[in-house]
Amino acid sequence: DKIEVFDLRGSEDHFSIVVISDKFENLSLVDRHRKIYSIFKDEISKEIHALQIQTYTHKEWRDKK
């Protein structure tokens, strides 16, 4: 699995995250995002103002490239 996190503004409160994992296989986009949001649920209400999420299986990532 691979995770990349980018601080979009340098302010440590707007992030873009790319997650590549076969655990997303057969999950809808909404369910994939729910999984990620559940990890950051406490931070989103306090430290994180914006979180852009991109999720891919390994095959989807290879096909995207």
N, C-alpha and C. Protein backbone atom coordinates (compact mmCIF):
# COMPACT_ATOMS: atom_id res chain seq x y z
N ASP A 1 0.84 -1.18 0.00
CA ASP A 1 0.00 0.00 0.00
C ASP A 1 0.88 1.24 0.00
N LYS A 2 0.33 2.31 -0.52
CA LYS A 2 1.09 3.56 -0.61
C LYS A 2 0.19 4.74 -0.25
N ILE A 3 0.74 5.66 0.52
CA ILE A 3 0.01 6.87 0.92
C ILE A 3 0.92 8.06 0.68
N GLU A 4 0.40 9.06 0.00
CA GLU A 4 1.12 10.32 -0.20
C GLU A 4 0.25 11.44 0.34
N VAL A 5 0.85 12.31 1.12
CA VAL A 5 0.13 13.44 1.70
C VAL A 5 0.83 14.73 1.28
N PHE A 6 0.03 15.69 0.82
CA PHE A 6 0.56 16.97 0.38
C PHE A 6 -0.10 18.09 1.16
N ASP A 7 0.70 18.99 1.70
CA ASP A 7 0.21 20.20 2.36
C ASP A 7 -0.03 21.22 1.26
N LEU A 8 -1.28 21.49 0.94
CA LEU A 8 -1.62 22.29 -0.23
C LEU A 8 -1.25 23.76 -0.11
N ARG A 9 -1.26 24.30 1.09
CA ARG A 9 -1.00 25.73 1.27
C ARG A 9 0.22 26.03 2.14
N GLY A 10 0.81 25.00 2.69
CA GLY A 10 1.91 25.22 3.62
C GLY A 10 1.44 25.68 4.98
N SER A 11 0.14 25.62 5.20
CA SER A 11 -0.44 26.09 6.46
C SER A 11 -0.80 24.96 7.41
N GLU A 12 -0.52 23.72 6.99
CA GLU A 12 -0.76 22.52 7.79
C GLU A 12 -2.23 22.35 8.18
N ASP A 13 -3.15 22.84 7.32
CA ASP A 13 -4.57 22.60 7.58
C ASP A 13 -5.36 22.29 6.31
N HIS A 14 -4.71 22.32 5.14
CA HIS A 14 -5.32 21.96 3.86
C HIS A 14 -4.44 20.88 3.21
N PHE A 15 -5.00 19.69 3.10
CA PHE A 15 -4.20 18.57 2.62
C PHE A 15 -4.85 17.88 1.43
N SER A 16 -4.00 17.28 0.63
CA SER A 16 -4.42 16.35 -0.41
C SER A 16 -3.77 15.02 -0.08
N ILE A 17 -4.54 13.96 -0.15
CA ILE A 17 -4.03 12.64 0.18
C ILE A 17 -4.35 11.69 -0.96
N VAL A 18 -3.35 10.90 -1.35
CA VAL A 18 -3.52 9.86 -2.36
C VAL A 18 -3.24 8.54 -1.67
N VAL A 19 -4.20 7.63 -1.73
CA VAL A 19 -4.05 6.33 -1.09
C VAL A 19 -4.21 5.24 -2.15
N ILE A 20 -3.22 4.37 -2.25
CA ILE A 20 -3.26 3.27 -3.20
C ILE A 20 -3.26 1.98 -2.40
N SER A 21 -4.35 1.23 -2.52
CA SER A 21 -4.49 0.00 -1.74
C SER A 21 -5.51 -0.92 -2.40
N ASP A 22 -5.22 -2.19 -2.40
CA ASP A 22 -6.19 -3.15 -2.92
C ASP A 22 -7.35 -3.36 -1.95
N LYS A 23 -7.28 -2.78 -0.77
CA LYS A 23 -8.41 -2.82 0.16
C LYS A 23 -9.61 -2.03 -0.38
N PHE A 24 -9.38 -1.23 -1.40
CA PHE A 24 -10.47 -0.47 -2.03
C PHE A 24 -11.20 -1.27 -3.11
N GLU A 25 -10.68 -2.44 -3.42
CA GLU A 25 -11.31 -3.28 -4.43
C GLU A 25 -12.78 -3.50 -4.10
N ASN A 26 -13.65 -3.28 -5.07
CA ASN A 26 -15.10 -3.49 -4.95
C ASN A 26 -15.79 -2.51 -4.00
N LEU A 27 -15.13 -1.43 -3.63
CA LEU A 27 -15.77 -0.39 -2.81
C LEU A 27 -16.11 0.80 -3.70
N SER A 28 -17.24 1.41 -3.43
CA SER A 28 -17.62 2.62 -4.17
C SER A 28 -16.71 3.77 -3.73
N LEU A 29 -16.70 4.82 -4.52
CA LEU A 29 -15.91 5.99 -4.18
C LEU A 29 -16.32 6.56 -2.82
N VAL A 30 -17.60 6.59 -2.57
CA VAL A 30 -18.11 7.10 -1.28
C VAL A 30 -17.60 6.24 -0.13
N ASP A 31 -17.65 4.93 -0.27
CA ASP A 31 -17.17 4.05 0.79
C ASP A 31 -15.66 4.17 1.00
N ARG A 32 -14.93 4.37 -0.07
CA ARG A 32 -13.49 4.57 0.04
C ARG A 32 -13.20 5.83 0.85
N HIS A 33 -13.91 6.91 0.52
CA HIS A 33 -13.70 8.18 1.23
C HIS A 33 -14.14 8.07 2.69
N ARG A 34 -15.19 7.34 2.95
CA ARG A 34 -15.63 7.15 4.34
C ARG A 34 -14.54 6.48 5.16
N LYS A 35 -13.86 5.50 4.56
CA LYS A 35 -12.77 4.83 5.27
C LYS A 35 -11.67 5.82 5.64
N ILE A 36 -11.31 6.68 4.70
CA ILE A 36 -10.25 7.65 4.97
C ILE A 36 -10.71 8.68 6.00
N TYR A 37 -11.92 9.20 5.83
CA TYR A 37 -12.44 10.18 6.79
C TYR A 37 -12.52 9.60 8.20
N SER A 38 -12.83 8.31 8.32
CA SER A 38 -12.94 7.71 9.65
C SER A 38 -11.59 7.72 10.38
N ILE A 39 -10.51 7.66 9.63
CA ILE A 39 -9.17 7.70 10.22
C ILE A 39 -8.88 9.09 10.79
N PHE A 40 -9.35 10.13 10.11
CA PHE A 40 -9.03 11.51 10.48
C PHE A 40 -10.20 12.24 11.14
N LYS A 41 -11.20 11.50 11.62
CA LYS A 41 -12.43 12.14 12.13
C LYS A 41 -12.16 13.18 13.23
N ASP A 42 -11.23 12.91 14.12
CA ASP A 42 -10.95 13.87 15.20
C ASP A 42 -10.19 15.09 14.68
N GLU A 43 -9.26 14.88 13.77
CA GLU A 43 -8.45 15.97 13.24
C GLU A 43 -9.26 16.89 12.33
N ILE A 44 -10.22 16.34 11.58
CA ILE A 44 -10.98 17.15 10.64
C ILE A 44 -11.77 18.23 11.36
N SER A 45 -12.26 17.95 12.51
CA SER A 45 -13.03 18.96 13.23
C SER A 45 -12.14 19.96 13.97
N LYS A 46 -10.84 19.69 14.04
CA LYS A 46 -9.95 20.58 14.80
C LYS A 46 -8.80 21.12 13.96
N GLU A 47 -7.85 20.26 13.59
CA GLU A 47 -6.64 20.72 12.93
C GLU A 47 -6.75 20.82 11.40
N ILE A 48 -7.57 19.97 10.80
CA ILE A 48 -7.65 19.93 9.34
C ILE A 48 -8.88 20.68 8.87
N HIS A 49 -8.66 21.68 8.03
CA HIS A 49 -9.78 22.46 7.50
C HIS A 49 -10.30 21.85 6.20
N ALA A 50 -9.40 21.34 5.35
CA ALA A 50 -9.80 20.75 4.06
C ALA A 50 -8.96 19.51 3.79
N LEU A 51 -9.62 18.47 3.27
CA LEU A 51 -8.93 17.23 2.94
C LEU A 51 -9.43 16.74 1.59
N GLN A 52 -8.56 16.80 0.61
CA GLN A 52 -8.88 16.29 -0.72
C GLN A 52 -8.38 14.85 -0.77
N ILE A 53 -9.25 13.91 -1.19
CA ILE A 53 -8.91 12.50 -1.14
C ILE A 53 -8.98 11.90 -2.53
N GLN A 54 -7.93 11.14 -2.87
CA GLN A 54 -7.92 10.33 -4.09
C GLN A 54 -7.57 8.91 -3.67
N THR A 55 -8.40 7.96 -4.08
CA THR A 55 -8.17 6.56 -3.70
C THR A 55 -8.13 5.70 -4.95
N TYR A 56 -7.21 4.74 -4.95
CA TYR A 56 -7.04 3.85 -6.09
C TYR A 56 -6.65 2.45 -5.61
N THR A 57 -7.05 1.45 -6.37
CA THR A 57 -6.44 0.14 -6.21
C THR A 57 -5.12 0.20 -6.96
N HIS A 58 -4.28 -0.81 -6.77
CA HIS A 58 -3.00 -0.81 -7.48
C HIS A 58 -3.22 -0.87 -8.99
N LYS A 59 -4.20 -1.63 -9.44
CA LYS A 59 -4.51 -1.72 -10.87
C LYS A 59 -5.01 -0.37 -11.41
N GLU A 60 -5.89 0.29 -10.68
CA GLU A 60 -6.39 1.59 -11.11
C GLU A 60 -5.24 2.60 -11.21
N TRP A 61 -4.30 2.53 -10.28
CA TRP A 61 -3.17 3.45 -10.30
C TRP A 61 -2.28 3.18 -11.52
N ARG A 62 -2.02 1.91 -11.80
CA ARG A 62 -1.21 1.56 -12.98
C ARG A 62 -1.91 2.02 -14.25
N ASP A 63 -3.23 1.80 -14.33
CA ASP A 63 -3.99 2.20 -15.52
C ASP A 63 -4.02 3.72 -15.68
N LYS A 64 -4.00 4.44 -14.57
CA LYS A 64 -4.01 5.91 -14.60
C LYS A 64 -2.70 6.44 -15.19
N LYS A 65 -1.63 5.77 -14.87
CA LYS A 65 -0.30 6.18 -15.36
C LYS A 65 -0.21 5.85 -16.82
